[in-house]
Amino acid sequence: MFVHTDLPAMKQERHNYEYQVGMDADSAPARVVRLVGEGKRVMEIGAGPGSITRLLSSVSNCRVTALEIDSEAIKKLAPFCERVYQVDLNDKAWPATIEGGDRFEVIVAADVLEHVYEPLAVLRAMKGFLNDDGYMVISVPHVGHSAVHACLLDEDFEYSDFGLLDRTHIRFFGIRNIQKLFEDAGMKIVHAEFVVRNPEHTEFANRWSKITPEIRSVLAKNPYGSVYQGVVKAVPDHAAGEAISLMSLPVMSGDATLRDFLRSSLRTFLSAKMYSRLRLIAAKMGVRFKG
């Protein structure tokens, strides 16, 4: 379905995947936007209500064609796009929906592949929309995070409305799985970044606190246990650029400061107006944070 972008302004309820993105943040959405670059022709897969799209369009001056399944999300998304197609990525015929044989400089899929039954098939189909010099920017949640291990040790793998165990996730990836997914799709990763969050700074902080200090100490020895998401830039195998191995990348020690973590969380779950009010109150208390 092609959706025109000249929609009338209307008051809409906040969408579950609607959040604010600080361009200077260390979050996956901010990293995705920075890796895309400026002035690009972009296809954004699973764009949701446009949390990333609006920055690609307004800040990075990109021309965006978006794919999304949710009708309510499309209402919010469409004003930031040249075109929007309503497609189901689990329908193998979805590529035929895109008109005119379009090719793109960048294809974005931010935390999308974990929501589809056949991520490899989707990734291969995405590859067909790249132009000769095109690349993909993709973020993927990391199920090997130590906080998820804490849930398993508590015998409680409970899904929630967001995060690593979002109830709509149907595929899960370790670092090696992410690497193999791209290799099997005929792609090579040429740049990668890890979003690092210590377990106590995640949605599983309570679960983490329930396990013994001895077990926490053992889990802390996993060098990838604090990796919350991977963000990669990938190109077809035949393209220029040296392939890198995710397992060879260093993981930054520590975590974002608690203040940065709270800032990121607040921007995610509060409206822009409420977030601005909170910043003003914090400033009066002598607490300042960027973004």
C-alpha atoms as a PDB file:
ATOM      1  CA  MET A   1       0.000   0.000   0.000  1.00  0.00           C
ATOM      2  CA  PHE A   2       1.342   3.426  -0.956  1.00  0.00           C
ATOM      3  CA  VAL A   3       0.470   6.187   1.493  1.00  0.00           C
ATOM      4  CA  HIS A   4       0.591   9.846   0.504  1.00  0.00           C
ATOM      5  CA  THR A   5       2.285  12.089   3.033  1.00  0.00           C
ATOM      6  CA  ASP A   6      -0.063  15.085   2.866  1.00  0.00           C
ATOM      7  CA  LEU A   7      -2.104  13.903   5.850  1.00  0.00           C
ATOM      8  CA  PRO A   8      -4.097  16.395   7.940  1.00  0.00           C
ATOM      9  CA  ALA A   9      -2.720  17.224  11.362  1.00  0.00           C
ATOM     10  CA  MET A  10      -4.503  15.299  14.086  1.00  0.00           C
ATOM     11  CA  LYS A  11      -4.060  14.515  17.747  1.00  0.00           C
ATOM     12  CA  GLN A  12      -2.880  10.939  18.126  1.00  0.00           C
ATOM     13  CA  GLU A  13      -2.192   8.651  21.063  1.00  0.00           C
ATOM     14  CA  ARG A  14       1.421   7.855  21.870  1.00  0.00           C
ATOM     15  CA  HIS A  15       2.561   4.690  20.093  1.00  0.00           C
ATOM     16  CA  ASN A  16       4.362   1.932  22.003  1.00  0.00           C
ATOM     17  CA  TYR A  17       7.496   2.388  19.854  1.00  0.00           C
ATOM     18  CA  GLU A  18       7.399   6.190  19.863  1.00  0.00           C
ATOM     19  CA  TYR A  19      10.381   7.750  21.613  1.00  0.00           C
ATOM     20  CA  GLN A  20      12.694  10.732  21.517  1.00  0.00           C
ATOM     21  CA  VAL A  21      16.245  10.283  20.231  1.00  0.00           C
ATOM     22  CA  GLY A  22      19.096  12.483  21.442  1.00  0.00           C
ATOM     23  CA  MET A  23      21.579  12.767  18.588  1.00  0.00           C
ATOM     24  CA  ASP A  24      24.549  12.819  20.973  1.00  0.00           C
ATOM     25  CA  ALA A  25      23.348   9.800  22.977  1.00  0.00           C
ATOM     26  CA  ASP A  26      25.020   6.390  23.004  1.00  0.00           C
ATOM     27  CA  SER A  27      21.718   4.616  22.328  1.00  0.00           C
ATOM     28  CA  ALA A  28      21.174   2.338  19.337  1.00  0.00           C
ATOM     29  CA  PRO A  29      18.753   4.746  17.562  1.00  0.00           C
ATOM     30  CA  ALA A  30      21.226   7.629  17.848  1.00  0.00           C
ATOM     31  CA  ARG A  31      24.052   5.440  16.562  1.00  0.00           C
ATOM     32  CA  VAL A  32      21.884   4.303  13.637  1.00  0.00           C
ATOM     33  CA  VAL A  33      21.126   7.889  12.618  1.00  0.00           C
ATOM     34  CA  ARG A  34      24.792   8.877  12.808  1.00  0.00           C
ATOM     35  CA  LEU A  35      25.912   5.866  10.754  1.00  0.00           C
ATOM     36  CA  VAL A  36      23.398   6.594   8.005  1.00  0.00           C
ATOM     37  CA  GLY A  37      24.998   9.953   7.299  1.00  0.00           C
ATOM     38  CA  GLU A  38      23.489  13.033   5.673  1.00  0.00           C
ATOM     39  CA  GLY A  39      21.650  13.668   2.443  1.00  0.00           C
ATOM     40  CA  LYS A  40      21.058   9.974   1.681  1.00  0.00           C
ATOM     41  CA  ARG A  41      18.219   8.214  -0.099  1.00  0.00           C
ATOM     42  CA  VAL A  42      17.063   5.785   2.590  1.00  0.00           C
ATOM     43  CA  MET A  43      14.736   2.819   2.804  1.00  0.00           C
ATOM     44  CA  GLU A  44      13.738   2.303   6.431  1.00  0.00           C
ATOM     45  CA  ILE A  45      12.356  -1.152   7.181  1.00  0.00           C
ATOM     46  CA  GLY A  46       9.912  -1.460  10.077  1.00  0.00           C
ATOM     47  CA  ALA A  47       9.961   2.278  10.706  1.00  0.00           C
ATOM     48  CA  GLY A  48       7.250   2.204  13.371  1.00  0.00           C
ATOM     49  CA  PRO A  49       5.794   5.624  14.221  1.00  0.00           C
ATOM     50  CA  GLY A  50       8.877   7.415  12.860  1.00  0.00           C
ATOM     51  CA  SER A  51      11.068   7.907  15.935  1.00  0.00           C
ATOM     52  CA  ILE A  52      14.202   7.487  13.819  1.00  0.00           C
ATOM     53  CA  THR A  53      12.606   8.615  10.558  1.00  0.00           C
ATOM     54  CA  ARG A  54      11.934  12.136  11.769  1.00  0.00           C
ATOM     55  CA  LEU A  55      15.638  12.643  12.510  1.00  0.00           C
ATOM     56  CA  LEU A  56      16.752  11.150   9.208  1.00  0.00           C
ATOM     57  CA  SER A  57      14.399  13.536   7.443  1.00  0.00           C
ATOM     58  CA  SER A  58      14.678  16.747   9.456  1.00  0.00           C
ATOM     59  CA  VAL A  59      18.200  16.610  10.892  1.00  0.00           C
ATOM     60  CA  SER A  60      20.130  14.454   8.416  1.00  0.00           C
ATOM     61  CA  ASN A  61      18.264  15.785   5.367  1.00  0.00           C
ATOM     62  CA  CYS A  62      17.622  12.290   4.018  1.00  0.00           C
ATOM     63  CA  ARG A  63      14.853  11.261   1.643  1.00  0.00           C
ATOM     64  CA  VAL A  64      13.087   8.342   3.287  1.00  0.00           C
ATOM     65  CA  THR A  65      10.912   5.587   1.876  1.00  0.00           C
ATOM     66  CA  ALA A  66       9.498   3.614   4.791  1.00  0.00           C
ATOM     67  CA  LEU A  67       7.991   0.159   5.221  1.00  0.00           C
ATOM     68  CA  GLU A  68       5.670  -0.518   8.139  1.00  0.00           C
ATOM     69  CA  ILE A  69       2.821  -2.919   8.933  1.00  0.00           C
ATOM     70  CA  ASP A  70       0.997  -1.007  11.683  1.00  0.00           C
ATOM     71  CA  SER A  71      -1.718   1.343  10.358  1.00  0.00           C
ATOM     72  CA  GLU A  72      -1.634   3.522  13.485  1.00  0.00           C
ATOM     73  CA  ALA A  73       2.138   3.867  13.271  1.00  0.00           C
ATOM     74  CA  ILE A  74       1.877   4.840   9.601  1.00  0.00           C
ATOM     75  CA  LYS A  75      -0.318   7.824  10.497  1.00  0.00           C
ATOM     76  CA  LYS A  76       2.529   9.202  12.603  1.00  0.00           C
ATOM     77  CA  LEU A  77       5.276   8.080  10.235  1.00  0.00           C
ATOM     78  CA  ALA A  78       3.983   9.336   6.888  1.00  0.00           C
ATOM     79  CA  PRO A  79       4.707  13.097   7.304  1.00  0.00           C
ATOM     80  CA  PHE A  80       8.445  12.378   7.508  1.00  0.00           C
ATOM     81  CA  CYS A  81       8.602  10.233   4.357  1.00  0.00           C
ATOM     82  CA  GLU A  82       8.502  10.548   0.608  1.00  0.00           C
ATOM     83  CA  ARG A  83       6.624   7.255   0.484  1.00  0.00           C
ATOM     84  CA  VAL A  84       5.278   4.713   2.939  1.00  0.00           C
ATOM     85  CA  TYR A  85       4.382   1.146   2.053  1.00  0.00           C
ATOM     86  CA  GLN A  86       2.252  -0.968   4.346  1.00  0.00           C
ATOM     87  CA  VAL A  87       3.868  -4.402   4.168  1.00  0.00           C
ATOM     88  CA  ASP A  88       4.145  -7.562   6.230  1.00  0.00           C
ATOM     89  CA  LEU A  89       7.768  -8.699   6.255  1.00  0.00           C
ATOM     90  CA  ASN A  90       6.602 -12.226   7.029  1.00  0.00           C
ATOM     91  CA  ASP A  91       4.908 -12.309   3.627  1.00  0.00           C
ATOM     92  CA  LYS A  92       7.614 -13.439   1.207  1.00  0.00           C
ATOM     93  CA  ALA A  93       6.009 -11.360  -1.557  1.00  0.00           C
ATOM     94  CA  TRP A  94       6.628  -8.042   0.222  1.00  0.00           C
ATOM     95  CA  PRO A  95       9.479  -6.884  -2.086  1.00  0.00           C
ATOM     96  CA  ALA A  96       7.074  -6.848  -5.050  1.00  0.00           C
ATOM     97  CA  THR A  97       5.067  -4.152  -3.275  1.00  0.00           C
ATOM     98  CA  ILE A  98       7.816  -1.560  -3.808  1.00  0.00           C
ATOM     99  CA  GLU A  99       7.106   0.396  -6.967  1.00  0.00           C
ATOM    100  CA  GLY A 100       9.447   1.288  -9.804  1.00  0.00           C
ATOM    101  CA  GLY A 101      12.418  -0.923  -9.009  1.00  0.00           C
ATOM    102  CA  ASP A 102      13.785   1.676  -6.598  1.00  0.00           C
ATOM    103  CA  ARG A 103      17.332   1.364  -5.268  1.00  0.00           C
ATOM    104  CA  PHE A 104      18.664   3.122  -2.193  1.00  0.00           C
ATOM    105  CA  GLU A 105      21.935   4.436  -0.821  1.00  0.00           C
ATOM    106  CA  VAL A 106      21.150   3.184   2.686  1.00  0.00           C
ATOM    107  CA  ILE A 107      18.770   0.594   4.081  1.00  0.00           C
ATOM    108  CA  VAL A 108      17.929   0.921   7.771  1.00  0.00           C
ATOM    109  CA  ALA A 109      16.414  -1.756  10.000  1.00  0.00           C
ATOM    110  CA  ALA A 110      16.532  -0.678  13.644  1.00  0.00           C
ATOM    111  CA  ASP A 111      15.613  -3.564  15.961  1.00  0.00           C
ATOM    112  CA  VAL A 112      13.481  -5.238  13.289  1.00  0.00           C
ATOM    113  CA  LEU A 113      14.981  -8.633  12.418  1.00  0.00           C
ATOM    114  CA  GLU A 114      14.085 -10.109  15.799  1.00  0.00           C
ATOM    115  CA  HIS A 115      10.396  -9.527  14.978  1.00  0.00           C
ATOM    116  CA  VAL A 116      10.251 -11.676  11.818  1.00  0.00           C
ATOM    117  CA  TYR A 117      10.005 -15.442  11.329  1.00  0.00           C
ATOM    118  CA  GLU A 118      12.777 -15.649   8.711  1.00  0.00           C
ATOM    119  CA  PRO A 119      15.316 -12.874   9.342  1.00  0.00           C
ATOM    120  CA  LEU A 120      17.742 -14.302   6.770  1.00  0.00           C
ATOM    121  CA  ALA A 121      15.093 -14.195   4.015  1.00  0.00           C
ATOM    122  CA  VAL A 122      14.203 -10.612   4.957  1.00  0.00           C
ATOM    123  CA  LEU A 123      17.849  -9.560   4.992  1.00  0.00           C
ATOM    124  CA  ARG A 124      18.448 -11.107   1.567  1.00  0.00           C
ATOM    125  CA  ALA A 125      15.409  -9.310   0.191  1.00  0.00           C
ATOM    126  CA  MET A 126      16.623  -6.013   1.660  1.00  0.00           C
ATOM    127  CA  LYS A 127      19.952  -6.490  -0.079  1.00  0.00           C
ATOM    128  CA  GLY A 128      18.195  -6.368  -3.439  1.00  0.00           C
ATOM    129  CA  PHE A 129      17.182  -2.737  -2.847  1.00  0.00           C
ATOM    130  CA  LEU A 130      20.737  -1.425  -2.411  1.00  0.00           C
ATOM    131  CA  ASN A 131      22.279   0.628  -5.195  1.00  0.00           C
ATOM    132  CA  ASP A 132      25.818  -0.108  -6.403  1.00  0.00           C
ATOM    133  CA  ASP A 133      27.458   1.819  -3.546  1.00  0.00           C
ATOM    134  CA  GLY A 134      24.783   1.187  -0.955  1.00  0.00           C
ATOM    135  CA  TYR A 135      25.061  -0.096   2.587  1.00  0.00           C
ATOM    136  CA  MET A 136      22.845  -1.233   5.433  1.00  0.00           C
ATOM    137  CA  VAL A 137      22.672   0.121   8.973  1.00  0.00           C
ATOM    138  CA  ILE A 138      21.046  -2.387  11.280  1.00  0.00           C
ATOM    139  CA  SER A 139      20.657  -2.740  15.039  1.00  0.00           C
ATOM    140  CA  VAL A 140      19.948  -6.050  16.757  1.00  0.00           C
ATOM    141  CA  PRO A 141      19.274  -6.775  20.451  1.00  0.00           C
ATOM    142  CA  HIS A 142      21.769  -9.128  22.127  1.00  0.00           C
ATOM    143  CA  VAL A 143      20.140 -12.006  23.983  1.00  0.00           C
ATOM    144  CA  GLY A 144      23.479 -12.956  25.563  1.00  0.00           C
ATOM    145  CA  HIS A 145      23.321 -10.020  27.969  1.00  0.00           C
ATOM    146  CA  SER A 146      24.063 -11.019  31.554  1.00  0.00           C
ATOM    147  CA  ALA A 147      20.724  -9.651  32.712  1.00  0.00           C
ATOM    148  CA  VAL A 148      18.946 -12.209  30.512  1.00  0.00           C
ATOM    149  CA  HIS A 149      21.133 -14.906  32.090  1.00  0.00           C
ATOM    150  CA  ALA A 150      19.910 -13.658  35.473  1.00  0.00           C
ATOM    151  CA  CYS A 151      16.308 -14.151  34.308  1.00  0.00           C
ATOM    152  CA  LEU A 152      17.091 -17.707  33.239  1.00  0.00           C
ATOM    153  CA  LEU A 153      18.788 -18.456  36.542  1.00  0.00           C
ATOM    154  CA  ASP A 154      15.642 -17.202  38.263  1.00  0.00           C
ATOM    155  CA  GLU A 155      13.648 -19.635  36.041  1.00  0.00           C
ATOM    156  CA  ASP A 156      11.613 -16.703  34.756  1.00  0.00           C
ATOM    157  CA  PHE A 157      11.949 -15.800  31.071  1.00  0.00           C
ATOM    158  CA  GLU A 158       9.108 -13.291  31.199  1.00  0.00           C
ATOM    159  CA  TYR A 159       8.272 -11.108  28.206  1.00  0.00           C
ATOM    160  CA  SER A 160       7.494  -7.407  28.598  1.00  0.00           C
ATOM    161  CA  ASP A 161       6.367  -4.434  26.506  1.00  0.00           C
ATOM    162  CA  PHE A 162       9.888  -3.303  25.594  1.00  0.00           C
ATOM    163  CA  GLY A 163      13.569  -4.177  25.805  1.00  0.00           C
ATOM    164  CA  LEU A 164      15.484  -7.387  25.235  1.00  0.00           C
ATOM    165  CA  LEU A 165      12.451  -9.555  25.995  1.00  0.00           C
ATOM    166  CA  ASP A 166       9.877  -7.500  24.116  1.00  0.00           C
ATOM    167  CA  ARG A 167       6.844  -9.776  23.794  1.00  0.00           C
ATOM    168  CA  THR A 168       6.869  -9.326  19.990  1.00  0.00           C
ATOM    169  CA  HIS A 169      10.386 -10.770  19.614  1.00  0.00           C
ATOM    170  CA  ILE A 170      10.333 -14.166  17.932  1.00  0.00           C
ATOM    171  CA  ARG A 171      14.048 -14.514  17.082  1.00  0.00           C
ATOM    172  CA  PHE A 172      17.040 -14.088  19.394  1.00  0.00           C
ATOM    173  CA  PHE A 173      20.679 -13.408  18.509  1.00  0.00           C
ATOM    174  CA  GLY A 174      24.031 -13.859  20.163  1.00  0.00           C
ATOM    175  CA  ILE A 175      27.095 -12.083  18.776  1.00  0.00           C
ATOM    176  CA  ARG A 176      28.064 -15.073  16.607  1.00  0.00           C
ATOM    177  CA  ASN A 177      24.496 -15.371  15.329  1.00  0.00           C
ATOM    178  CA  ILE A 178      24.489 -11.748  14.165  1.00  0.00           C
ATOM    179  CA  GLN A 179      27.765 -12.304  12.330  1.00  0.00           C
ATOM    180  CA  LYS A 180      26.537 -15.489  10.638  1.00  0.00           C
ATOM    181  CA  LEU A 181      23.247 -13.891   9.630  1.00  0.00           C
ATOM    182  CA  PHE A 182      25.047 -11.296   7.533  1.00  0.00           C
ATOM    183  CA  GLU A 183      27.543 -13.772   6.129  1.00  0.00           C
ATOM    184  CA  ASP A 184      24.745 -16.118   5.047  1.00  0.00           C
ATOM    185  CA  ALA A 185      23.034 -13.188   3.341  1.00  0.00           C
ATOM    186  CA  GLY A 186      26.152 -12.450   1.279  1.00  0.00           C
ATOM    187  CA  MET A 187      26.985  -9.345   3.304  1.00  0.00           C
ATOM    188  CA  LYS A 188      30.072  -8.286   5.198  1.00  0.00           C
ATOM    189  CA  ILE A 189      30.149  -6.109   8.278  1.00  0.00           C
ATOM    190  CA  VAL A 190      32.554  -3.201   7.757  1.00  0.00           C
ATOM    191  CA  HIS A 191      31.775  -1.221  10.909  1.00  0.00           C
ATOM    192  CA  ALA A 192      30.142  -2.167  14.203  1.00  0.00           C
ATOM    193  CA  GLU A 193      29.388  -0.625  17.560  1.00  0.00           C
ATOM    194  CA  PHE A 194      28.157  -2.168  20.789  1.00  0.00           C
ATOM    195  CA  VAL A 195      25.610  -0.470  23.018  1.00  0.00           C
ATOM    196  CA  VAL A 196      26.827  -1.314  26.512  1.00  0.00           C
ATOM    197  CA  ARG A 197      24.573  -1.426  29.556  1.00  0.00           C
ATOM    198  CA  ASN A 198      25.506  -2.950  32.894  1.00  0.00           C
ATOM    199  CA  PRO A 199      22.770  -5.295  34.183  1.00  0.00           C
ATOM    200  CA  GLU A 200      21.818  -2.957  37.024  1.00  0.00           C
ATOM    201  CA  HIS A 201      21.096  -0.253  34.433  1.00  0.00           C
ATOM    202  CA  THR A 202      18.636  -2.329  32.417  1.00  0.00           C
ATOM    203  CA  GLU A 203      14.969  -3.252  32.701  1.00  0.00           C
ATOM    204  CA  PHE A 204      16.150  -6.392  34.542  1.00  0.00           C
ATOM    205  CA  ALA A 205      17.807  -4.600  37.466  1.00  0.00           C
ATOM    206  CA  ASN A 206      15.540  -6.317  40.013  1.00  0.00           C
ATOM    207  CA  ARG A 207      16.306  -9.749  38.604  1.00  0.00           C
ATOM    208  CA  TRP A 208      20.021  -8.986  38.670  1.00  0.00           C
ATOM    209  CA  SER A 209      19.851  -8.000  42.330  1.00  0.00           C
ATOM    210  CA  LYS A 210      18.195 -11.319  43.214  1.00  0.00           C
ATOM    211  CA  ILE A 211      21.115 -13.528  42.184  1.00  0.00           C
ATOM    212  CA  THR A 212      24.024 -14.047  44.546  1.00  0.00           C
ATOM    213  CA  PRO A 213      27.173 -11.926  44.419  1.00  0.00           C
ATOM    214  CA  GLU A 214      29.113 -15.074  43.529  1.00  0.00           C
ATOM    215  CA  ILE A 215      26.996 -15.715  40.435  1.00  0.00           C
ATOM    216  CA  ARG A 216      27.137 -12.040  39.454  1.00  0.00           C
ATOM    217  CA  SER A 217      30.906 -12.264  39.669  1.00  0.00           C
ATOM    218  CA  VAL A 218      30.991 -15.292  37.369  1.00  0.00           C
ATOM    219  CA  LEU A 219      28.661 -13.677  34.822  1.00  0.00           C
ATOM    220  CA  ALA A 220      30.783 -10.528  34.876  1.00  0.00           C
ATOM    221  CA  LYS A 221      33.642 -12.554  33.392  1.00  0.00           C
ATOM    222  CA  ASN A 222      31.737 -12.824  30.112  1.00  0.00           C
ATOM    223  CA  PRO A 223      33.305 -10.077  27.950  1.00  0.00           C
ATOM    224  CA  TYR A 224      30.037  -9.672  26.014  1.00  0.00           C
ATOM    225  CA  GLY A 225      27.711  -9.844  29.007  1.00  0.00           C
ATOM    226  CA  SER A 226      27.190  -6.084  29.064  1.00  0.00           C
ATOM    227  CA  VAL A 227      26.433  -5.783  25.327  1.00  0.00           C
ATOM    228  CA  TYR A 228      22.797  -4.738  25.077  1.00  0.00           C
ATOM    229  CA  GLN A 229      22.605  -4.203  21.298  1.00  0.00           C
ATOM    230  CA  GLY A 230      24.829  -4.424  18.272  1.00  0.00           C
ATOM    231  CA  VAL A 231      24.730  -1.745  15.566  1.00  0.00           C
ATOM    232  CA  VAL A 232      26.374  -2.674  12.284  1.00  0.00           C
ATOM    233  CA  LYS A 233      27.121  -1.160   8.915  1.00  0.00           C
ATOM    234  CA  ALA A 234      27.223  -3.858   6.233  1.00  0.00           C
ATOM    235  CA  VAL A 235      27.801  -4.015   2.481  1.00  0.00           C
ATOM    236  CA  PRO A 236      27.506  -6.794  -0.123  1.00  0.00           C
ATOM    237  CA  ASP A 237      30.458  -9.192  -0.206  1.00  0.00           C
ATOM    238  CA  HIS A 238      31.727  -7.796  -3.516  1.00  0.00           C
ATOM    239  CA  ALA A 239      31.777  -4.180  -2.312  1.00  0.00           C
ATOM    240  CA  ALA A 240      34.857  -2.324  -1.142  1.00  0.00           C
ATOM    241  CA  GLY A 241      35.744  -2.440   2.529  1.00  0.00           C
ATOM    242  CA  GLU A 242      37.397  -4.911   4.851  1.00  0.00           C
ATOM    243  CA  ALA A 243      35.145  -7.329   6.704  1.00  0.00           C
ATOM    244  CA  ILE A 244      35.369  -7.294  10.478  1.00  0.00           C
ATOM    245  CA  SER A 245      34.521  -9.942  13.054  1.00  0.00           C
ATOM    246  CA  LEU A 246      32.162  -8.904  15.829  1.00  0.00           C
ATOM    247  CA  MET A 247      33.815 -11.367  18.211  1.00  0.00           C
ATOM    248  CA  SER A 248      37.128  -9.543  17.772  1.00  0.00           C
ATOM    249  CA  LEU A 249      35.758  -6.153  18.799  1.00  0.00           C
ATOM    250  CA  PRO A 250      36.583  -4.829  22.246  1.00  0.00           C
ATOM    251  CA  VAL A 251      33.713  -4.087  24.612  1.00  0.00           C
ATOM    252  CA  MET A 252      33.978  -0.851  26.511  1.00  0.00           C
ATOM    253  CA  SER A 253      34.393  -1.427  30.220  1.00  0.00           C
ATOM    254  CA  GLY A 254      31.783  -0.038  32.515  1.00  0.00           C
ATOM    255  CA  ASP A 255      28.587   1.609  31.296  1.00  0.00           C
ATOM    256  CA  ALA A 256      27.052   4.910  30.473  1.00  0.00           C
ATOM    257  CA  THR A 257      26.777   6.960  33.642  1.00  0.00           C
ATOM    258  CA  LEU A 258      23.587   6.549  35.605  1.00  0.00           C
ATOM    259  CA  ARG A 259      22.641  10.079  34.588  1.00  0.00           C
ATOM    260  CA  ASP A 260      23.014   9.209  30.900  1.00  0.00           C
ATOM    261  CA  PHE A 261      21.021   6.027  31.396  1.00  0.00           C
ATOM    262  CA  LEU A 262      18.204   7.900  33.108  1.00  0.00           C
ATOM    263  CA  ARG A 263      18.246  10.546  30.393  1.00  0.00           C
ATOM    264  CA  SER A 264      17.922   7.887  27.702  1.00  0.00           C
ATOM    265  CA  SER A 265      15.098   6.150  29.575  1.00  0.00           C
ATOM    266  CA  LEU A 266      13.215   9.379  30.185  1.00  0.00           C
ATOM    267  CA  ARG A 267      13.466  10.402  26.535  1.00  0.00           C
ATOM    268  CA  THR A 268      12.111   7.000  25.575  1.00  0.00           C
ATOM    269  CA  PHE A 269       9.094   6.836  27.854  1.00  0.00           C
ATOM    270  CA  LEU A 270       8.045  10.463  28.327  1.00  0.00           C
ATOM    271  CA  SER A 271       6.437  12.786  25.829  1.00  0.00           C
ATOM    272  CA  ALA A 272       8.646  15.593  24.498  1.00  0.00           C
ATOM    273  CA  LYS A 273       6.611  18.147  26.485  1.00  0.00           C
ATOM    274  CA  MET A 274       6.873  16.214  29.749  1.00  0.00           C
ATOM    275  CA  TYR A 275      10.585  15.568  29.180  1.00  0.00           C
ATOM    276  CA  SER A 276      11.190  19.312  28.692  1.00  0.00           C
ATOM    277  CA  ARG A 277       9.320  20.076  31.900  1.00  0.00           C
ATOM    278  CA  LEU A 278      11.394  17.542  33.803  1.00  0.00           C
ATOM    279  CA  ARG A 279      14.628  19.032  32.443  1.00  0.00           C
ATOM    280  CA  LEU A 280      13.501  22.468  33.653  1.00  0.00           C
ATOM    281  CA  ILE A 281      12.738  21.143  37.129  1.00  0.00           C
ATOM    282  CA  ALA A 282      16.073  19.310  37.226  1.00  0.00           C
ATOM    283  CA  ALA A 283      17.924  22.463  36.180  1.00  0.00           C
ATOM    284  CA  LYS A 284      16.371  24.370  39.086  1.00  0.00           C
ATOM    285  CA  MET A 285      17.747  21.639  41.355  1.00  0.00           C
ATOM    286  CA  GLY A 286      21.200  22.039  39.861  1.00  0.00           C
ATOM    287  CA  VAL A 287      21.037  18.863  37.742  1.00  0.00           C
ATOM    288  CA  ARG A 288      21.743  19.339  34.049  1.00  0.00           C
ATOM    289  CA  PHE A 289      21.883  16.838  31.217  1.00  0.00           C
ATOM    290  CA  LYS A 290      22.236  17.187  27.479  1.00  0.00           C
ATOM    291  CA  GLY A 291      19.962  15.861  24.753  1.00  0.00           C
END
